[in-house]
N, C-alpha and C. Protein backbone atom coordinates (compact mmCIF):
# COMPACT_ATOMS: atom_id res chain seq x y z
N MET A 1 125.48 74.82 121.97
CA MET A 1 124.29 75.16 122.81
C MET A 1 124.69 74.04 123.80
N THR A 2 124.47 74.71 125.12
CA THR A 2 124.66 73.33 126.16
C THR A 2 123.42 72.70 126.21
N GLN A 3 123.41 71.55 127.19
CA GLN A 3 122.25 70.59 127.21
C GLN A 3 121.29 71.25 128.00
N SER A 4 121.56 71.91 129.03
CA SER A 4 120.32 72.73 129.71
C SER A 4 119.39 74.00 128.52
N SER A 5 120.28 74.42 127.64
CA SER A 5 119.70 75.12 126.85
C SER A 5 119.23 74.70 125.92
N ALA A 6 119.54 73.42 125.37
CA ALA A 6 118.98 72.55 124.52
C ALA A 6 117.34 71.84 125.04
N VAL A 7 117.47 71.42 126.30
CA VAL A 7 116.28 70.99 126.71
C VAL A 7 115.61 72.12 127.15
N LYS A 8 115.82 73.24 127.25
CA LYS A 8 115.00 74.67 127.70
C LYS A 8 114.08 74.58 126.44
N ALA A 9 114.76 74.62 125.10
CA ALA A 9 114.41 74.98 123.73
C ALA A 9 113.63 74.01 123.33
N GLN A 10 113.46 72.86 123.72
CA GLN A 10 112.91 71.60 123.21
C GLN A 10 111.45 71.82 123.94
N ASN A 11 111.45 72.44 124.97
CA ASN A 11 110.05 72.97 125.88
C ASN A 11 109.80 74.13 125.63
N ASP A 12 110.37 74.58 124.70
CA ASP A 12 109.81 76.40 124.52
C ASP A 12 108.27 76.03 123.81
N SER A 13 107.14 76.61 124.40
CA SER A 13 106.31 76.43 123.50
C SER A 13 105.92 77.20 121.94
N ASN A 14 107.01 78.19 121.79
CA ASN A 14 107.05 79.02 120.86
C ASN A 14 108.02 78.29 119.58
N LEU A 15 108.42 77.15 119.49
CA LEU A 15 108.94 76.44 118.76
C LEU A 15 108.16 76.13 117.49
N ILE A 16 108.37 76.07 116.39
CA ILE A 16 107.21 75.74 115.27
C ILE A 16 107.30 74.10 115.06
N PRO A 17 106.15 73.68 115.18
CA PRO A 17 106.39 71.96 115.15
C PRO A 17 106.93 71.57 113.73
N ALA A 18 107.49 70.39 113.93
CA ALA A 18 108.13 69.80 112.78
C ALA A 18 107.26 69.28 111.36
N THR A 19 105.76 69.15 111.94
CA THR A 19 104.84 69.06 110.93
C THR A 19 104.72 70.59 110.16
N ASP A 20 104.75 71.70 110.77
CA ASP A 20 104.44 72.59 110.09
C ASP A 20 105.55 72.83 109.18
N LEU A 21 106.80 72.72 109.67
CA LEU A 21 108.37 72.91 109.02
C LEU A 21 107.93 71.95 107.72
N VAL A 22 107.53 70.80 107.77
CA VAL A 22 107.53 70.20 106.47
C VAL A 22 106.26 70.59 105.76
N THR A 23 105.10 71.33 105.94
CA THR A 23 104.46 71.56 105.10
C THR A 23 104.97 72.64 104.44
N VAL A 24 105.86 73.63 105.19
CA VAL A 24 106.48 74.82 104.26
C VAL A 24 107.31 74.58 103.46
N SER A 25 108.06 73.43 103.85
CA SER A 25 109.10 72.77 102.63
C SER A 25 108.26 72.32 101.80
N ARG A 26 107.24 71.75 101.70
CA ARG A 26 106.62 71.38 100.74
C ARG A 26 105.62 72.10 99.75
N ALA A 27 105.44 73.43 100.16
CA ALA A 27 104.88 74.65 99.66
C ALA A 27 105.85 75.16 98.89
N VAL A 28 107.16 75.67 99.12
CA VAL A 28 108.09 76.05 98.66
C VAL A 28 108.92 75.04 97.39
N ALA A 29 108.48 73.79 97.45
CA ALA A 29 108.73 72.97 96.45
C ALA A 29 107.77 72.95 95.13
N ASP A 30 106.38 73.25 95.70
CA ASP A 30 105.46 73.13 94.92
C ASP A 30 105.54 74.53 93.85
N LEU A 31 105.89 75.63 94.50
CA LEU A 31 105.95 76.98 94.35
C LEU A 31 107.48 77.23 93.21
N ARG A 32 108.40 76.29 93.64
CA ARG A 32 109.09 76.15 92.61
C ARG A 32 109.08 75.45 91.43
N ARG A 33 108.16 74.57 91.62
CA ARG A 33 107.60 73.74 90.22
C ARG A 33 106.53 74.41 89.63
N GLY A 34 106.05 75.66 89.93
CA GLY A 34 104.93 76.65 89.11
C GLY A 34 103.70 75.57 89.61
N GLU A 35 103.42 75.29 90.70
CA GLU A 35 102.58 74.90 91.05
C GLU A 35 101.37 76.24 92.39
N ILE A 36 100.04 75.96 92.32
CA ILE A 36 99.64 76.84 93.10
C ILE A 36 99.30 76.37 94.46
N VAL A 37 99.50 76.94 95.46
CA VAL A 37 99.72 77.01 97.09
C VAL A 37 98.57 77.87 97.70
N LEU A 38 98.03 77.37 98.49
CA LEU A 38 97.16 77.79 99.40
C LEU A 38 97.72 78.28 100.58
N VAL A 39 97.63 79.35 100.65
CA VAL A 39 98.24 80.12 101.95
C VAL A 39 97.16 80.70 103.21
N GLN A 40 97.15 79.68 104.25
CA GLN A 40 96.04 80.50 105.41
C GLN A 40 96.28 80.95 106.34
N GLY A 41 95.73 81.82 107.28
CA GLY A 41 96.18 82.11 108.43
C GLY A 41 95.32 83.36 108.81
N HIS A 42 95.31 83.35 110.28
CA HIS A 42 94.45 84.20 110.77
C HIS A 42 94.98 85.77 111.29
N ASP A 43 93.99 86.81 111.18
CA ASP A 43 94.04 88.21 111.59
C ASP A 43 92.85 88.36 112.43
N ASN A 44 93.07 88.63 113.69
CA ASN A 44 92.08 89.09 114.68
C ASN A 44 91.01 88.12 114.59
N GLY A 45 91.29 86.86 114.82
CA GLY A 45 90.42 85.74 114.94
C GLY A 45 89.60 85.35 113.55
N GLU A 46 89.96 86.15 112.73
CA GLU A 46 89.16 85.77 111.51
C GLU A 46 90.24 85.08 110.69
N ALA A 47 89.96 83.87 109.90
CA ALA A 47 90.37 83.20 109.09
C ALA A 47 90.62 83.82 107.73
N HIS A 48 91.82 84.01 106.88
CA HIS A 48 91.88 84.15 105.50
C HIS A 48 92.95 83.42 104.74
N SER A 49 92.54 83.31 103.49
CA SER A 49 93.62 82.22 102.59
C SER A 49 93.90 82.79 101.28
N VAL A 50 94.80 82.92 100.75
CA VAL A 50 95.18 83.58 99.45
C VAL A 50 95.76 82.24 98.25
N ALA A 51 95.39 82.38 97.28
CA ALA A 51 96.05 81.27 96.38
C ALA A 51 96.99 81.94 95.85
N VAL A 52 98.50 81.30 95.86
CA VAL A 52 99.63 81.94 95.45
C VAL A 52 100.27 80.97 94.38
N ILE A 53 100.89 81.48 93.37
CA ILE A 53 102.01 80.93 92.63
C ILE A 53 103.03 81.51 92.23
N ALA A 54 104.19 81.06 92.17
CA ALA A 54 105.54 82.00 92.04
C ALA A 54 105.33 82.36 90.46
N ALA A 55 105.64 83.79 90.19
CA ALA A 55 105.91 84.47 89.14
C ALA A 55 106.93 84.27 88.23
N GLU A 56 107.86 83.41 88.58
CA GLU A 56 109.50 83.37 87.74
C GLU A 56 108.95 81.96 86.77
N PRO A 57 108.41 80.72 87.37
CA PRO A 57 107.89 79.56 86.28
C PRO A 57 106.40 79.80 85.79
N LEU A 58 105.59 80.93 85.97
CA LEU A 58 104.44 81.35 85.68
C LEU A 58 104.24 81.00 84.35
N SER A 59 102.95 80.31 83.75
CA SER A 59 102.89 80.00 82.70
C SER A 59 101.33 80.59 82.41
N GLN A 60 101.02 80.54 81.17
CA GLN A 60 99.41 81.11 81.07
C GLN A 60 98.41 79.91 81.44
N HIS A 61 98.56 78.83 81.57
CA HIS A 61 98.04 78.02 82.16
C HIS A 61 97.88 77.74 83.43
N GLY A 62 99.04 78.22 83.93
CA GLY A 62 98.86 78.36 85.38
C GLY A 62 98.17 79.98 85.70
N LEU A 63 98.39 80.76 85.37
CA LEU A 63 97.72 81.82 85.70
C LEU A 63 95.85 81.66 85.50
N GLU A 64 95.88 81.08 84.36
CA GLU A 64 94.30 80.48 84.28
C GLU A 64 93.83 80.08 85.39
N ARG A 65 94.47 79.38 85.75
CA ARG A 65 94.11 78.08 86.62
C ARG A 65 94.17 79.12 88.35
N LEU A 66 95.11 79.77 88.36
CA LEU A 66 94.94 80.81 89.50
C LEU A 66 93.70 81.72 89.76
N CYS A 67 93.33 82.17 88.34
CA CYS A 67 92.37 83.13 88.25
C CYS A 67 90.86 82.31 88.38
N ASP A 68 91.20 81.08 88.12
CA ASP A 68 89.67 80.45 88.57
C ASP A 68 89.47 79.79 89.82
N ILE A 69 90.73 79.76 90.42
CA ILE A 69 90.49 79.53 92.00
C ILE A 69 90.21 80.88 92.60
N ALA A 70 90.69 81.94 92.55
CA ALA A 70 90.22 83.40 92.97
C ALA A 70 89.07 83.76 92.82
N GLY A 71 88.31 83.24 91.67
CA GLY A 71 87.19 83.77 91.27
C GLY A 71 87.04 85.32 90.18
N ASN A 72 85.84 85.30 89.82
CA ASN A 72 85.71 86.29 88.81
C ASN A 72 85.85 87.65 89.30
N ASP A 73 85.81 88.14 90.49
CA ASP A 73 85.83 88.99 91.20
C ASP A 73 87.25 89.70 91.59
N THR A 74 88.04 88.69 91.66
CA THR A 74 89.54 88.95 91.81
C THR A 74 90.44 89.04 90.85
N ALA A 75 91.04 90.14 90.73
CA ALA A 75 92.26 90.24 89.83
C ALA A 75 93.34 89.92 90.13
N PRO A 76 94.22 89.48 89.42
CA PRO A 76 95.84 88.68 89.71
C PRO A 76 96.46 89.63 90.27
N ALA A 77 97.48 89.14 91.62
CA ALA A 77 98.35 90.56 92.09
C ALA A 77 99.81 89.54 92.08
N ILE A 78 100.60 90.46 91.97
CA ILE A 78 102.15 89.83 91.98
C ILE A 78 102.81 90.64 93.37
N VAL A 79 103.53 89.95 94.25
CA VAL A 79 104.05 90.63 95.21
C VAL A 79 105.44 90.62 95.18
N ILE A 80 106.40 91.89 95.05
CA ILE A 80 107.76 91.95 94.64
C ILE A 80 108.54 92.51 95.62
N PRO A 81 110.01 92.20 95.92
CA PRO A 81 110.45 93.01 96.87
C PRO A 81 110.68 94.81 96.51
N ARG A 82 110.59 95.28 97.81
CA ARG A 82 110.87 96.81 97.37
C ARG A 82 111.91 97.16 96.51
N VAL A 83 112.76 96.69 96.45
CA VAL A 83 114.08 96.96 95.47
C VAL A 83 113.51 96.83 93.84
N ARG A 84 112.90 95.76 93.91
CA ARG A 84 112.04 95.74 92.47
C ARG A 84 111.24 96.93 92.00
N ALA A 85 110.29 97.46 93.15
CA ALA A 85 109.50 98.01 92.89
C ALA A 85 110.43 99.56 92.59
N LYS A 86 111.22 99.80 93.24
CA LYS A 86 111.90 100.79 92.99
C LYS A 86 112.43 101.20 91.97
N SER A 87 112.93 99.98 91.28
CA SER A 87 113.47 99.77 90.05
C SER A 87 112.52 100.16 88.82
N LEU A 88 111.06 99.88 89.30
CA LEU A 88 110.38 100.07 88.13
C LEU A 88 109.61 101.30 88.32
N GLY A 89 110.49 102.41 89.14
CA GLY A 89 109.66 103.46 89.21
C GLY A 89 108.68 103.64 90.13
N GLN A 90 108.22 102.85 91.13
CA GLN A 90 107.05 102.87 92.04
C GLN A 90 107.60 103.75 93.32
N ALA A 91 107.00 104.53 93.85
CA ALA A 91 107.64 105.28 95.08
C ALA A 91 106.78 104.33 95.98
N CYS A 92 108.16 103.93 97.11
CA CYS A 92 107.62 102.93 98.14
C CYS A 92 107.97 103.71 99.27
N LYS A 93 107.53 102.82 100.27
CA LYS A 93 107.82 103.65 101.94
C LYS A 93 108.78 102.53 102.66
N ASN A 94 108.76 102.13 103.51
CA ASN A 94 110.01 101.47 104.15
C ASN A 94 109.66 100.11 104.18
N ASP A 95 108.15 99.47 103.43
CA ASP A 95 107.54 98.01 103.20
C ASP A 95 108.42 97.51 102.59
N PRO A 96 108.75 96.32 103.12
CA PRO A 96 109.95 94.81 102.56
C PRO A 96 108.88 94.49 101.06
N PHE A 97 107.64 94.48 101.15
CA PHE A 97 107.39 93.89 99.63
C PHE A 97 105.87 94.89 99.32
N ILE A 98 105.89 94.95 98.19
CA ILE A 98 104.77 95.87 97.30
C ILE A 98 104.18 94.81 96.34
N ALA A 99 102.63 95.11 96.35
CA ALA A 99 101.83 94.26 95.71
C ALA A 99 101.51 95.26 94.55
N PHE A 100 101.45 94.24 93.07
CA PHE A 100 101.15 95.31 91.79
C PHE A 100 99.98 94.41 91.88
N VAL A 101 98.65 95.08 91.54
CA VAL A 101 97.46 94.37 91.54
C VAL A 101 97.18 94.72 90.08
N SER A 102 96.91 94.17 89.30
CA SER A 102 96.20 94.06 87.84
C SER A 102 95.14 94.85 87.72
N ALA A 103 94.64 95.66 86.76
CA ALA A 103 93.18 96.33 87.16
C ALA A 103 92.12 95.41 86.88
N THR A 104 92.54 94.30 86.18
CA THR A 104 91.18 93.51 85.73
C THR A 104 92.00 91.83 85.58
N GLN A 105 91.21 91.03 85.52
CA GLN A 105 91.70 89.67 85.48
C GLN A 105 92.21 89.61 84.06
N SER A 106 91.92 89.99 83.09
CA SER A 106 92.07 89.89 81.41
C SER A 106 93.38 91.07 81.26
N GLY A 107 93.88 92.06 82.34
CA GLY A 107 94.27 92.97 81.98
C GLY A 107 96.08 92.66 81.64
N VAL A 108 96.21 91.67 81.97
CA VAL A 108 98.05 91.07 82.22
C VAL A 108 97.88 89.59 81.82
N ASP A 109 99.16 89.13 81.36
CA ASP A 109 99.04 87.63 80.77
C ASP A 109 100.18 87.37 82.05
N ALA A 110 100.52 86.08 81.77
CA ALA A 110 101.63 85.19 82.72
C ALA A 110 103.01 85.97 82.28
N ASP A 111 103.33 86.19 81.04
CA ASP A 111 104.68 86.58 80.53
C ASP A 111 104.72 87.75 81.09
N ARG A 112 103.91 88.52 80.93
CA ARG A 112 103.86 89.93 81.70
C ARG A 112 104.00 90.06 83.17
N LEU A 113 103.44 89.21 83.85
CA LEU A 113 103.61 88.89 85.37
C LEU A 113 105.26 88.70 85.55
N GLY A 114 105.61 87.52 84.69
CA GLY A 114 106.96 87.48 85.14
C GLY A 114 107.96 88.43 84.42
N GLU A 115 107.43 89.33 83.66
CA GLU A 115 108.40 90.33 83.06
C GLU A 115 108.55 91.36 84.39
N ILE A 116 107.51 91.92 85.28
CA ILE A 116 107.33 92.52 86.24
C ILE A 116 108.44 92.10 87.56
N ALA A 117 108.45 90.84 87.67
CA ALA A 117 108.91 90.31 88.62
C ALA A 117 110.39 90.06 88.35
N ASN A 118 110.66 90.08 87.04
CA ASN A 118 112.52 89.68 86.80
C ASN A 118 113.34 91.03 87.11
N PRO A 119 114.16 90.91 88.08
CA PRO A 119 114.89 92.06 88.26
C PRO A 119 116.13 92.36 86.98
N LEU A 120 116.05 91.42 86.23
CA LEU A 120 117.10 91.54 85.33
C LEU A 120 116.80 92.49 83.96
N LEU A 121 115.13 92.68 84.19
CA LEU A 121 114.64 93.44 83.02
C LEU A 121 114.50 94.54 83.30
N ASP A 122 114.31 95.82 82.15
CA ASP A 122 114.29 97.28 82.73
C ASP A 122 112.88 97.30 81.71
N LEU A 123 112.02 97.38 82.02
CA LEU A 123 110.54 97.96 81.57
C LEU A 123 110.10 99.23 81.42
N ASP A 124 109.79 99.49 79.83
CA ASP A 124 109.72 100.53 79.44
C ASP A 124 108.24 101.13 79.85
N ALA A 125 107.11 100.20 80.00
CA ALA A 125 105.72 100.47 80.54
C ALA A 125 105.41 99.58 80.94
N LEU A 126 104.54 99.86 82.33
CA LEU A 126 103.48 98.86 83.17
C LEU A 126 102.49 98.69 82.88
N PRO A 127 101.68 97.64 82.87
CA PRO A 127 100.37 97.35 82.59
C PRO A 127 99.63 98.20 83.69
N ASP A 128 98.18 98.42 83.57
CA ASP A 128 97.04 99.29 83.97
C ASP A 128 96.95 98.58 85.37
N GLY A 129 97.18 98.81 86.72
CA GLY A 129 96.80 98.25 87.93
C GLY A 129 97.46 99.25 89.03
N ASP A 130 97.13 98.91 90.08
CA ASP A 130 97.45 99.45 91.44
C ASP A 130 98.70 98.79 91.87
N TRP A 131 99.80 99.63 92.48
CA TRP A 131 100.72 99.37 93.25
C TRP A 131 100.55 99.92 94.79
N ARG A 132 100.56 98.84 95.68
CA ARG A 132 100.20 98.55 96.95
C ARG A 132 101.04 98.16 98.09
N PRO A 133 101.69 99.13 98.91
CA PRO A 133 102.41 98.70 100.15
C PRO A 133 101.84 97.49 100.78
N ILE A 134 102.44 96.42 101.49
CA ILE A 134 101.99 95.39 102.34
C ILE A 134 103.03 95.30 102.96
N SER A 135 102.31 94.52 104.31
CA SER A 135 103.36 94.18 105.48
C SER A 135 103.33 92.74 105.17
N MET A 136 104.30 91.63 105.91
CA MET A 136 104.27 90.35 106.23
C MET A 136 102.85 90.03 107.01
N ALA A 137 102.51 90.85 107.75
CA ALA A 137 101.38 90.58 108.85
C ALA A 137 100.12 90.67 108.14
N GLU A 138 100.01 91.75 106.84
CA GLU A 138 98.91 92.05 106.30
C GLU A 138 98.46 91.00 105.46
N HIS A 139 97.01 90.73 106.02
CA HIS A 139 96.47 89.29 104.66
C HIS A 139 96.08 90.00 103.53
N ALA A 140 96.09 88.81 102.52
CA ALA A 140 96.00 89.28 101.45
C ALA A 140 94.15 89.23 100.97
N ALA A 141 93.75 90.67 100.62
CA ALA A 141 92.24 90.92 100.28
C ALA A 141 92.26 91.69 99.39
């Protein structure tokens, strides 16, 4: 990169602030440790947030904490890549991610969610719930 293009890049208003990058790095580290992360965003001027926990290190205690944060009316959901959803026999469009939403809060346990996410496992049966295509821009609700 030439010096003039570096200066132009530094002055570009579309760059992500360093504080945001630090926040994202911390959130990723928290997810890897099995912690719950609150993801916030805006859609058409309306604020949305969703509590997230990684499926791989998920424990029953972590799932219960997530359900407590989400409230009684919200069933747990797991977002998996399209390739994994296809391996589970779920019809997918060209959406990069698919969400499995449990039929009820008590309809699935932490081990089962981890099995759904694990690409190395072949599952014979899936818990009751819905498979929903999602996009990166779509808010979770």
